[in-house]
C-alpha atoms as a PDB file:
ATOM      1  CA  UNK A   1      10.619 -23.695  20.833  1.00  0.00           C
ATOM      2  CA  UNK A   2      12.625 -25.327  17.997  1.00  0.00           C
ATOM      3  CA  UNK A   3      13.976 -23.037  15.335  1.00  0.00           C
ATOM      4  CA  UNK A   4      12.497 -23.181  11.852  1.00  0.00           C
ATOM      5  CA  UNK A   5      15.098 -24.507   9.384  1.00  0.00           C
ATOM      6  CA  UNK A   6      16.665 -21.747   7.305  1.00  0.00           C
ATOM      7  CA  UNK A   7      18.044 -23.169   4.080  1.00  0.00           C
ATOM      8  CA  UNK A   8      21.080 -21.330   2.748  1.00  0.00           C
ATOM      9  CA  UNK A   9      20.367 -22.718  -0.700  1.00  0.00           C
ATOM     10  CA  UNK A  10      16.882 -24.217  -1.149  1.00  0.00           C
ATOM     11  CA  UNK A  11      18.122 -26.432  -3.991  1.00  0.00           C
ATOM     12  CA  UNK A  12      20.495 -28.155  -1.530  1.00  0.00           C
ATOM     13  CA  UNK A  13      17.743 -29.026   0.956  1.00  0.00           C
ATOM     14  CA  UNK A  14      15.699 -32.211   1.046  1.00  0.00           C
ATOM     15  CA  UNK A  15      11.941 -31.923   0.643  1.00  0.00           C
ATOM     16  CA  UNK A  16      11.136 -32.293   4.359  1.00  0.00           C
ATOM     17  CA  UNK A  17      13.254 -29.431   5.820  1.00  0.00           C
ATOM     18  CA  UNK A  18      12.306 -27.145   2.955  1.00  0.00           C
ATOM     19  CA  UNK A  19       8.606 -27.858   3.577  1.00  0.00           C
ATOM     20  CA  UNK A  20       9.058 -26.573   7.127  1.00  0.00           C
ATOM     21  CA  UNK A  21      10.699 -23.327   6.002  1.00  0.00           C
ATOM     22  CA  UNK A  22       8.553 -20.548   7.456  1.00  0.00           C
ATOM     23  CA  UNK A  23       5.954 -22.985   8.789  1.00  0.00           C
ATOM     24  CA  UNK A  24       5.626 -21.166  12.115  1.00  0.00           C
ATOM     25  CA  UNK A  25       6.189 -17.615  10.903  1.00  0.00           C
ATOM     26  CA  UNK A  26       4.487 -17.207   7.515  1.00  0.00           C
ATOM     27  CA  UNK A  27       0.872 -17.479   6.379  1.00  0.00           C
ATOM     28  CA  UNK A  28      -0.190 -17.413   2.746  1.00  0.00           C
ATOM     29  CA  UNK A  29      -3.403 -15.700   1.718  1.00  0.00           C
ATOM     30  CA  UNK A  30      -5.114 -16.489  -1.568  1.00  0.00           C
ATOM     31  CA  UNK A  31      -8.557 -15.950  -3.053  1.00  0.00           C
ATOM     32  CA  UNK A  32     -10.741 -19.040  -3.447  1.00  0.00           C
ATOM     33  CA  UNK A  33     -14.372 -19.742  -4.273  1.00  0.00           C
ATOM     34  CA  UNK A  34     -16.189 -21.367  -1.361  1.00  0.00           C
ATOM     35  CA  UNK A  35     -19.916 -22.109  -1.493  1.00  0.00           C
ATOM     36  CA  UNK A  36     -20.257 -19.879  -4.546  1.00  0.00           C
ATOM     37  CA  UNK A  37     -18.573 -16.825  -3.026  1.00  0.00           C
ATOM     38  CA  UNK A  38     -15.073 -15.414  -3.171  1.00  0.00           C
ATOM     39  CA  UNK A  39     -13.246 -15.600   0.177  1.00  0.00           C
ATOM     40  CA  UNK A  40      -9.623 -15.356   1.250  1.00  0.00           C
ATOM     41  CA  UNK A  41      -8.087 -18.659   2.305  1.00  0.00           C
ATOM     42  CA  UNK A  42      -5.216 -18.648   4.815  1.00  0.00           C
ATOM     43  CA  UNK A  43      -2.639 -21.456   4.753  1.00  0.00           C
ATOM     44  CA  UNK A  44       0.532 -22.178   6.709  1.00  0.00           C
ATOM     45  CA  UNK A  45       3.801 -22.438   4.789  1.00  0.00           C
ATOM     46  CA  UNK A  46       3.423 -26.228   4.585  1.00  0.00           C
ATOM     47  CA  UNK A  47      -0.011 -25.864   2.970  1.00  0.00           C
ATOM     48  CA  UNK A  48      -2.130 -26.634   6.025  1.00  0.00           C
ATOM     49  CA  UNK A  49      -5.402 -24.673   5.823  1.00  0.00           C
ATOM     50  CA  UNK A  50      -5.742 -22.281   8.761  1.00  0.00           C
ATOM     51  CA  UNK A  51      -9.049 -20.619   7.906  1.00  0.00           C
ATOM     52  CA  UNK A  52     -10.975 -18.335   5.593  1.00  0.00           C
ATOM     53  CA  UNK A  53     -11.971 -14.703   5.872  1.00  0.00           C
ATOM     54  CA  UNK A  54     -14.455 -12.586   3.941  1.00  0.00           C
ATOM     55  CA  UNK A  55     -11.811 -10.196   2.605  1.00  0.00           C
ATOM     56  CA  UNK A  56      -8.060  -9.666   2.299  1.00  0.00           C
ATOM     57  CA  UNK A  57      -7.859  -7.009   5.017  1.00  0.00           C
ATOM     58  CA  UNK A  58      -9.510  -9.254   7.602  1.00  0.00           C
ATOM     59  CA  UNK A  59      -7.227 -12.140   6.602  1.00  0.00           C
ATOM     60  CA  UNK A  60      -4.157  -9.942   7.100  1.00  0.00           C
ATOM     61  CA  UNK A  61      -5.348  -8.842  10.549  1.00  0.00           C
ATOM     62  CA  UNK A  62      -6.022 -12.479  11.523  1.00  0.00           C
ATOM     63  CA  UNK A  63      -2.476 -13.447  10.509  1.00  0.00           C
ATOM     64  CA  UNK A  64      -0.906 -10.566  12.399  1.00  0.00           C
ATOM     65  CA  UNK A  65      -2.896 -11.410  15.541  1.00  0.00           C
ATOM     66  CA  UNK A  66      -1.357 -14.886  15.426  1.00  0.00           C
ATOM     67  CA  UNK A  67       2.158 -13.456  14.925  1.00  0.00           C
ATOM     68  CA  UNK A  68       2.289 -14.742  11.347  1.00  0.00           C
ATOM     69  CA  UNK A  69       3.721 -12.742   8.451  1.00  0.00           C
ATOM     70  CA  UNK A  70       0.967 -12.528   5.795  1.00  0.00           C
ATOM     71  CA  UNK A  71       2.028 -13.205   2.202  1.00  0.00           C
ATOM     72  CA  UNK A  72      -0.234 -12.939  -0.829  1.00  0.00           C
ATOM     73  CA  UNK A  73      -0.504 -15.748  -3.358  1.00  0.00           C
ATOM     74  CA  UNK A  74      -1.809 -14.721  -6.769  1.00  0.00           C
END
């Protein structure tokens, strides 16, 4: 499996490698309104939607099951 790029200084990286930073190891969780109800949306580091869960705790468990480090977005 290819290694995820690890920028030593993000300002020195082009947009493409920086977009991949954490793409296979990190998932971002944020609250969104979907069909009139508040759910937790899970996205990969590059912004790709991975799914939604009813609550934050379930979203965290889903990330951990997929070997992703959950991060909250406020």
